Protein backbone atom coordinates (compact mmCIF):
# COMPACT_ATOMS: atom_id res chain seq x y z
CA MET A 1 -8.42 70.12 51.48
CA LYS A 2 -5.92 67.37 51.07
CA LEU A 3 -3.85 69.26 48.54
CA LYS A 4 -3.63 72.63 50.38
CA GLY A 5 -0.10 74.09 49.47
CA LYS A 6 0.27 71.67 46.71
CA LYS A 7 0.95 72.94 43.05
CA ILE A 8 -0.08 70.83 39.83
CA GLY A 9 0.70 71.50 36.43
CA ILE A 10 -1.25 69.87 33.60
CA LEU A 11 -0.15 69.98 29.94
CA ILE A 12 -2.91 71.22 27.46
CA GLU A 13 -3.26 71.40 23.77
CA SER A 14 -6.14 71.06 21.12
CA ASP A 15 -8.11 67.82 20.83
CA PHE A 16 -8.10 67.44 24.73
CA TYR A 17 -10.71 65.18 26.18
CA GLU A 18 -13.16 67.54 27.78
CA HIS A 19 -14.55 65.24 30.37
CA GLU A 20 -11.16 64.61 31.82
CA ILE A 21 -9.83 68.16 31.60
CA TRP A 22 -12.92 69.52 33.20
CA TYR A 23 -12.62 66.85 35.94
CA TYR A 24 -9.08 67.98 36.92
CA HIS A 25 -10.07 71.61 36.63
CA TYR A 26 -12.52 71.06 39.39
CA ARG A 27 -11.35 68.30 41.36
CA PHE A 28 -7.80 69.27 42.23
CA PRO A 29 -8.67 72.69 43.28
CA GLU A 30 -11.61 71.27 45.31
CA GLU A 31 -8.75 69.55 47.26
CA GLY A 32 -7.03 73.00 47.57
CA ALA A 33 -4.33 72.48 44.96
CA ASP A 34 -3.05 75.46 43.01
CA LEU A 35 -3.64 74.28 39.49
CA HIS A 36 -1.84 75.43 36.45
CA PHE A 37 -2.60 74.49 32.75
CA LEU A 38 0.71 74.65 30.63
CA THR A 39 1.41 74.59 27.03
CA ARG A 40 3.55 75.82 24.17
CA LEU A 41 2.42 79.47 23.67
CA TRP A 42 4.55 80.11 20.49
CA GLY A 43 5.28 83.64 21.86
CA GLN A 44 1.59 84.40 22.27
CA PRO A 45 0.13 85.67 25.63
CA SER A 46 -2.49 83.02 25.43
CA LEU A 47 -3.94 80.31 23.08
CA THR A 48 -7.42 78.89 22.98
CA PHE A 49 -7.62 75.17 22.47
CA LYS A 50 -10.72 73.08 21.43
CA GLY A 51 -11.68 69.78 22.86
CA HIS A 52 -11.98 66.53 21.00
CA GLU A 53 -15.52 65.43 21.29
CA TYR A 54 -17.56 68.88 21.93
CA HIS A 55 -14.97 71.44 20.51
CA ALA A 56 -15.31 73.17 24.03
CA PRO A 57 -12.81 75.91 24.13
CA PHE A 58 -10.09 76.06 26.98
CA GLU A 59 -7.87 79.20 27.13
CA CYS A 60 -4.28 78.87 28.51
CA HIS A 61 -2.05 81.60 29.66
CA GLU A 62 1.00 79.68 30.81
CA SER A 63 3.81 78.21 28.85
CA PHE A 64 6.08 75.47 30.02
CA GLU A 65 8.96 76.73 27.79
CA ASP A 66 9.49 79.61 30.32
CA ILE A 67 9.73 77.56 33.47
CA ASP A 68 13.16 77.93 35.08
CA ASP A 69 14.63 75.30 37.52
CA ALA A 70 13.31 77.04 40.63
CA THR A 71 9.85 77.44 39.39
CA LEU A 72 9.75 73.79 38.20
CA LYS A 73 10.80 72.82 41.66
CA SER A 74 7.72 74.60 43.06
CA TYR A 75 5.57 72.01 41.28
CA ASP A 76 4.43 68.98 43.35
CA ALA A 77 3.00 67.03 40.28
CA ILE A 78 3.06 67.32 36.44
CA ILE A 79 0.39 65.48 34.52
CA VAL A 80 0.42 64.60 30.79
CA PRO A 81 -3.37 64.13 29.95
CA SER A 82 -4.90 61.71 27.52
CA ALA A 83 -6.39 62.25 23.87
CA MET A 84 -4.39 64.15 21.22
CA VAL A 85 -2.68 66.49 23.70
CA SER A 86 0.64 64.82 23.77
CA ASP A 87 0.69 63.93 19.94
CA ARG A 88 0.28 67.87 19.33
CA LEU A 89 2.85 68.68 21.98
CA ARG A 90 5.38 66.29 20.44
CA TYR A 91 5.68 68.42 17.36
CA THR A 92 9.31 69.88 16.80
CA GLU A 93 10.51 72.16 13.99
CA ASP A 94 13.94 69.99 13.74
CA ILE A 95 13.31 66.30 13.67
CA LYS A 96 16.99 65.76 14.91
CA LYS A 97 15.94 67.70 18.26
CA LEU A 98 13.59 66.71 20.88
CA PRO A 99 10.21 68.25 21.09
CA PRO A 100 10.25 71.21 23.61
CA ALA A 101 7.40 69.41 25.62
CA THR A 102 9.56 66.24 25.77
CA GLU A 103 12.59 68.26 26.82
CA PHE A 104 10.23 69.66 29.53
CA LEU A 105 9.21 66.20 30.52
CA LYS A 106 12.80 65.13 30.78
CA ARG A 107 13.43 67.93 33.28
CA VAL A 108 10.37 66.84 35.12
CA PHE A 109 11.51 63.20 35.38
CA ALA A 110 14.92 64.39 36.55
CA ASP A 111 13.40 65.73 39.73
CA GLN A 112 12.15 62.60 41.84
CA SER A 113 10.23 65.00 44.29
CA ILE A 114 7.89 65.80 41.33
CA LEU A 115 5.05 63.36 40.88
CA LYS A 116 4.65 62.67 37.23
CA GLY A 117 1.21 61.56 35.90
CA ILE A 118 0.70 60.12 32.42
CA ILE A 119 -2.53 58.78 31.29
CA CYS A 120 -3.73 57.07 28.07
CA HIS A 121 -2.20 58.53 24.98
CA GLY A 122 -0.05 60.67 27.17
CA MET A 123 2.71 58.25 26.62
CA TRP A 124 3.12 59.54 23.19
CA LEU A 125 4.98 62.44 24.70
CA VAL A 126 7.50 59.97 26.29
CA SER A 127 8.16 57.97 23.00
CA PRO A 128 10.90 60.43 21.71
CA ALA A 129 12.70 59.68 25.17
CA PRO A 130 12.12 56.10 25.99
CA GLU A 131 14.62 56.00 28.76
CA LEU A 132 12.23 57.89 31.06
CA VAL A 133 9.98 54.78 31.36
CA ARG A 134 12.36 51.88 30.32
CA GLY A 135 12.13 49.06 32.94
CA ARG A 136 9.30 50.78 34.55
CA PRO A 137 5.73 49.36 35.24
CA VAL A 138 3.20 51.48 33.39
CA THR A 139 -0.32 51.16 32.07
CA CYS A 140 -1.65 52.92 28.80
CA HIS A 141 -4.48 52.76 26.35
CA THR A 142 -4.60 49.49 24.69
CA ASN A 143 -3.80 51.25 21.28
CA LEU A 144 -0.35 52.17 22.75
CA TYR A 145 0.63 48.67 24.11
CA GLY A 146 3.04 48.13 21.35
CA ASP A 147 4.54 51.51 21.94
CA VAL A 148 5.31 51.04 25.55
CA VAL A 149 6.76 47.69 24.97
CA ASN A 150 9.05 49.26 22.25
CA MET A 151 9.94 51.94 24.85
CA GLY A 152 11.24 49.19 26.98
CA ALA A 153 8.36 49.76 29.78
CA ILE A 154 6.76 47.00 31.43
CA TYR A 155 3.13 46.87 30.50
CA THR A 156 0.83 46.22 33.38
CA ASP A 157 -2.84 45.30 32.82
CA LYS A 158 -4.39 47.79 35.36
CA ASP A 159 -6.58 50.93 35.34
CA VAL A 160 -3.83 52.84 37.38
CA VAL A 161 -0.23 51.74 38.04
CA VAL A 162 2.01 53.62 40.64
CA ASP A 163 5.73 53.19 40.40
CA GLY A 164 7.39 55.42 42.80
CA ASP A 165 7.16 59.01 41.43
CA LEU A 166 5.40 57.82 38.29
CA VAL A 167 1.58 57.42 38.27
CA THR A 168 0.14 56.04 34.86
CA GLY A 169 -3.56 55.62 33.87
CA ARG A 170 -5.29 53.45 31.26
CA SER A 171 -7.60 55.86 29.51
CA GLY A 172 -9.17 59.23 29.95
CA GLY A 173 -12.14 57.32 31.03
CA HIS A 174 -10.31 56.41 34.06
CA ALA A 175 -9.24 59.98 35.05
CA HIS A 176 -11.36 59.83 38.21
CA LEU A 177 -9.13 56.82 39.42
CA PHE A 178 -5.96 58.31 38.19
CA ALA A 179 -6.81 61.61 39.91
CA LYS A 180 -7.69 59.81 43.11
CA GLN A 181 -4.49 58.13 43.10
CA ILE A 182 -2.51 61.39 42.52
CA ILE A 183 -4.34 62.99 45.30
CA GLU A 184 -3.66 60.20 47.82
CA ILE A 185 0.00 60.19 46.95
CA LEU A 186 0.36 64.12 47.14
CA ALA A 187 -1.64 64.12 50.34
CA GLU A 188 0.92 61.71 51.97
CA ARG A 189 3.90 63.82 51.07
């Protein structure tokens, strides 16, 4: 129970990679973590999302939009998963404003005590706020290489890269390595 007393938030939306999300769903609580899946609920009490490959349903009851500063501080880690989750979450009604999920991510990055995990296409959620990763070593899916270079990040050709309070993973297929690194870091804190 390496994560007893630790609280982890994972962003979720439709077209999630089922293998990755189900792995986290079981693996983090197996280590004792208090796990929360967070999304933009659009004023609804819950939303059911479908996975990308098998269209498996996943119901979410918690919104990141309602998280005040004290509640945000209670999280030990926030994870942006792979697949199309971040692309869907970067929707904004006003293109002159940051997407609410990116605004939330900016709040997370402002607190160095919160471990940030971004894997694969999760980097899409960072693209409207490139200053969050500018000058930092990261990895991502090979399809996003140009994106992270354009954000000013330092692409590192590894499956998992750790830079202080930021852990990045190459792809959803590396979720086990990514989660292992997050567990190790949180266990040491």
